[in-house]
Amino acid sequence: MHTIYAAADPIEAEILRSYLAQHGIAARVFGAALWGGRGDLPLDAWPRLVVDDQRDVEPARELLRRYEHRRHAQASWLCGCGERSPVHFEICWACGLERPTGP
């Protein structure tokens, strides 16, 4: 097993597990059950993503770098319906259309 990411919370860990799965990378979440013990237990209670296959480590880390970049970007995109959505949204929050791929 190879730890590739320490998530902020169990929800983010599951979102990222699903994100990797959409790109063909099988990952598992470890430590999510310890989340409630933060502060009370003398251990690292951050949920973490792990992959079993060494070949998936670098592709997964690259996808997670992209996720981090988009998460911190303040940019938005304009949908055909006229609404603006944060750049990390894949679909328009108002109408559900996919984000355009061009500039």
C-alpha atoms as a PDB file:
ATOM      1  CA  MET A   1       0.000   0.000   0.000  1.00  0.00           C
ATOM      2  CA  HIS A   2       1.175   3.477  -0.885  1.00  0.00           C
ATOM      3  CA  THR A   3      -0.212   6.549   0.853  1.00  0.00           C
ATOM      4  CA  ILE A   4      -0.747   9.269  -1.723  1.00  0.00           C
ATOM      5  CA  TYR A   5      -2.775  11.935   0.083  1.00  0.00           C
ATOM      6  CA  ALA A   6      -3.830  13.079   3.549  1.00  0.00           C
ATOM      7  CA  ALA A   7      -7.324  14.534   3.221  1.00  0.00           C
ATOM      8  CA  ALA A   8      -8.756  17.399   5.242  1.00  0.00           C
ATOM      9  CA  ASP A   9     -11.687  15.270   6.402  1.00  0.00           C
ATOM     10  CA  PRO A  10     -13.515  12.020   5.555  1.00  0.00           C
ATOM     11  CA  ILE A  11     -15.797  13.757   3.057  1.00  0.00           C
ATOM     12  CA  GLU A  12     -12.877  15.110   1.039  1.00  0.00           C
ATOM     13  CA  ALA A  13     -11.238  11.682   1.179  1.00  0.00           C
ATOM     14  CA  GLU A  14     -14.316  10.034  -0.348  1.00  0.00           C
ATOM     15  CA  ILE A  15     -14.644  12.741  -2.992  1.00  0.00           C
ATOM     16  CA  LEU A  16     -11.028  12.208  -3.995  1.00  0.00           C
ATOM     17  CA  ARG A  17     -11.367   8.417  -3.950  1.00  0.00           C
ATOM     18  CA  SER A  18     -14.255   8.779  -6.380  1.00  0.00           C
ATOM     19  CA  TYR A  19     -12.303  11.309  -8.490  1.00  0.00           C
ATOM     20  CA  LEU A  20      -9.432   8.847  -8.844  1.00  0.00           C
ATOM     21  CA  ALA A  21     -11.848   6.009  -9.647  1.00  0.00           C
ATOM     22  CA  GLN A  22     -13.300   8.094 -12.473  1.00  0.00           C
ATOM     23  CA  HIS A  23      -9.782   8.178 -13.909  1.00  0.00           C
ATOM     24  CA  GLY A  24      -9.278   4.424 -13.572  1.00  0.00           C
ATOM     25  CA  ILE A  25      -7.244   4.464 -10.351  1.00  0.00           C
ATOM     26  CA  ALA A  26      -8.435   2.271  -7.499  1.00  0.00           C
ATOM     27  CA  ALA A  27      -7.806   3.898  -4.117  1.00  0.00           C
ATOM     28  CA  ARG A  28      -9.001   3.210  -0.594  1.00  0.00           C
ATOM     29  CA  VAL A  29      -9.594   5.510   2.366  1.00  0.00           C
ATOM     30  CA  PHE A  30      -7.893   4.660   5.643  1.00  0.00           C
ATOM     31  CA  GLY A  31      -8.340   6.425   8.957  1.00  0.00           C
ATOM     32  CA  ALA A  32     -11.763   7.954   8.334  1.00  0.00           C
ATOM     33  CA  ALA A  33     -13.200   6.233  11.410  1.00  0.00           C
ATOM     34  CA  LEU A  34     -10.579   7.932  13.587  1.00  0.00           C
ATOM     35  CA  TRP A  35     -11.761  11.394  12.552  1.00  0.00           C
ATOM     36  CA  GLY A  36     -14.066  11.741  15.552  1.00  0.00           C
ATOM     37  CA  GLY A  37     -11.175  11.076  17.922  1.00  0.00           C
ATOM     38  CA  ARG A  38      -9.110  14.058  16.837  1.00  0.00           C
ATOM     39  CA  GLY A  39      -7.750  15.842  19.876  1.00  0.00           C
ATOM     40  CA  ASP A  40      -8.578  12.977  22.203  1.00  0.00           C
ATOM     41  CA  LEU A  41      -6.316  10.319  20.707  1.00  0.00           C
ATOM     42  CA  PRO A  42      -2.521  10.690  20.540  1.00  0.00           C
ATOM     43  CA  LEU A  43      -2.258   9.768  16.858  1.00  0.00           C
ATOM     44  CA  ASP A  44      -2.489  11.005  13.315  1.00  0.00           C
ATOM     45  CA  ALA A  45      -6.250  11.014  12.663  1.00  0.00           C
ATOM     46  CA  TRP A  46      -6.244  12.416   9.125  1.00  0.00           C
ATOM     47  CA  PRO A  47      -8.045  10.247   6.574  1.00  0.00           C
ATOM     48  CA  ARG A  48      -5.616   9.156   3.898  1.00  0.00           C
ATOM     49  CA  LEU A  49      -5.885   7.774   0.405  1.00  0.00           C
ATOM     50  CA  VAL A  50      -3.849   4.715  -0.465  1.00  0.00           C
ATOM     51  CA  VAL A  51      -3.322   2.744  -3.653  1.00  0.00           C
ATOM     52  CA  ASP A  52      -2.133  -0.856  -3.846  1.00  0.00           C
ATOM     53  CA  ASP A  53      -0.463  -0.711  -7.238  1.00  0.00           C
ATOM     54  CA  GLN A  54       2.875   1.131  -7.376  1.00  0.00           C
ATOM     55  CA  ARG A  55       2.155   2.007 -11.029  1.00  0.00           C
ATOM     56  CA  ASP A  56      -0.814   4.132  -9.876  1.00  0.00           C
ATOM     57  CA  VAL A  57       1.178   6.281  -7.446  1.00  0.00           C
ATOM     58  CA  GLU A  58       2.489   8.952  -9.825  1.00  0.00           C
ATOM     59  CA  PRO A  59      -0.658   9.210 -11.999  1.00  0.00           C
ATOM     60  CA  ALA A  60      -2.749   9.543  -8.818  1.00  0.00           C
ATOM     61  CA  ARG A  61      -0.462  12.208  -7.390  1.00  0.00           C
ATOM     62  CA  GLU A  62      -0.652  14.159 -10.655  1.00  0.00           C
ATOM     63  CA  LEU A  63      -4.465  14.038 -10.584  1.00  0.00           C
ATOM     64  CA  LEU A  64      -4.420  15.183  -6.960  1.00  0.00           C
ATOM     65  CA  ARG A  65      -2.065  18.064  -7.847  1.00  0.00           C
ATOM     66  CA  ARG A  66      -4.608  19.164 -10.450  1.00  0.00           C
ATOM     67  CA  TYR A  67      -7.364  18.880  -7.860  1.00  0.00           C
ATOM     68  CA  GLU A  68      -5.389  21.040  -5.415  1.00  0.00           C
ATOM     69  CA  HIS A  69      -4.675  23.619  -8.100  1.00  0.00           C
ATOM     70  CA  ARG A  70      -8.331  23.884  -9.099  1.00  0.00           C
ATOM     71  CA  ARG A  71      -9.455  23.882  -5.458  1.00  0.00           C
ATOM     72  CA  HIS A  72      -7.348  26.905  -4.701  1.00  0.00           C
ATOM     73  CA  ALA A  73      -8.039  28.767  -7.924  1.00  0.00           C
ATOM     74  CA  GLN A  74     -10.348  31.728  -7.590  1.00  0.00           C
ATOM     75  CA  ALA A  75     -11.315  31.713 -11.264  1.00  0.00           C
ATOM     76  CA  SER A  76     -14.762  30.925 -12.581  1.00  0.00           C
ATOM     77  CA  TRP A  77     -16.226  29.952 -15.910  1.00  0.00           C
ATOM     78  CA  LEU A  78     -19.272  31.265 -17.735  1.00  0.00           C
ATOM     79  CA  CYS A  79     -21.911  28.742 -18.706  1.00  0.00           C
ATOM     80  CA  GLY A  80     -24.066  29.035 -21.808  1.00  0.00           C
ATOM     81  CA  CYS A  81     -27.035  29.739 -19.517  1.00  0.00           C
ATOM     82  CA  GLY A  82     -25.287  32.924 -18.329  1.00  0.00           C
ATOM     83  CA  GLU A  83     -24.331  31.774 -14.820  1.00  0.00           C
ATOM     84  CA  ARG A  84     -20.811  31.747 -13.410  1.00  0.00           C
ATOM     85  CA  SER A  85     -19.509  28.653 -11.628  1.00  0.00           C
ATOM     86  CA  PRO A  86     -16.249  28.146  -9.691  1.00  0.00           C
ATOM     87  CA  VAL A  87     -13.510  26.670 -11.862  1.00  0.00           C
ATOM     88  CA  HIS A  88     -13.452  23.450  -9.835  1.00  0.00           C
ATOM     89  CA  PHE A  89     -17.087  22.714 -10.756  1.00  0.00           C
ATOM     90  CA  GLU A  90     -17.271  20.249 -13.645  1.00  0.00           C
ATOM     91  CA  ILE A  91     -20.891  21.175 -14.370  1.00  0.00           C
ATOM     92  CA  CYS A  92     -22.879  24.388 -14.048  1.00  0.00           C
ATOM     93  CA  TRP A  93     -24.431  24.719 -10.604  1.00  0.00           C
ATOM     94  CA  ALA A  94     -27.543  26.347 -12.118  1.00  0.00           C
ATOM     95  CA  CYS A  95     -28.434  24.262 -15.176  1.00  0.00           C
ATOM     96  CA  GLY A  96     -26.220  21.168 -15.087  1.00  0.00           C
ATOM     97  CA  LEU A  97     -24.411  21.729 -18.398  1.00  0.00           C
ATOM     98  CA  GLU A  98     -20.809  20.530 -18.537  1.00  0.00           C
ATOM     99  CA  ARG A  99     -18.008  23.055 -18.344  1.00  0.00           C
ATOM    100  CA  PRO A 100     -16.721  24.003 -21.812  1.00  0.00           C
ATOM    101  CA  THR A 101     -13.285  22.604 -22.616  1.00  0.00           C
ATOM    102  CA  GLY A 102     -12.100  25.542 -24.714  1.00  0.00           C
ATOM    103  CA  PRO A 103     -10.959  29.000 -23.577  1.00  0.00           C
END
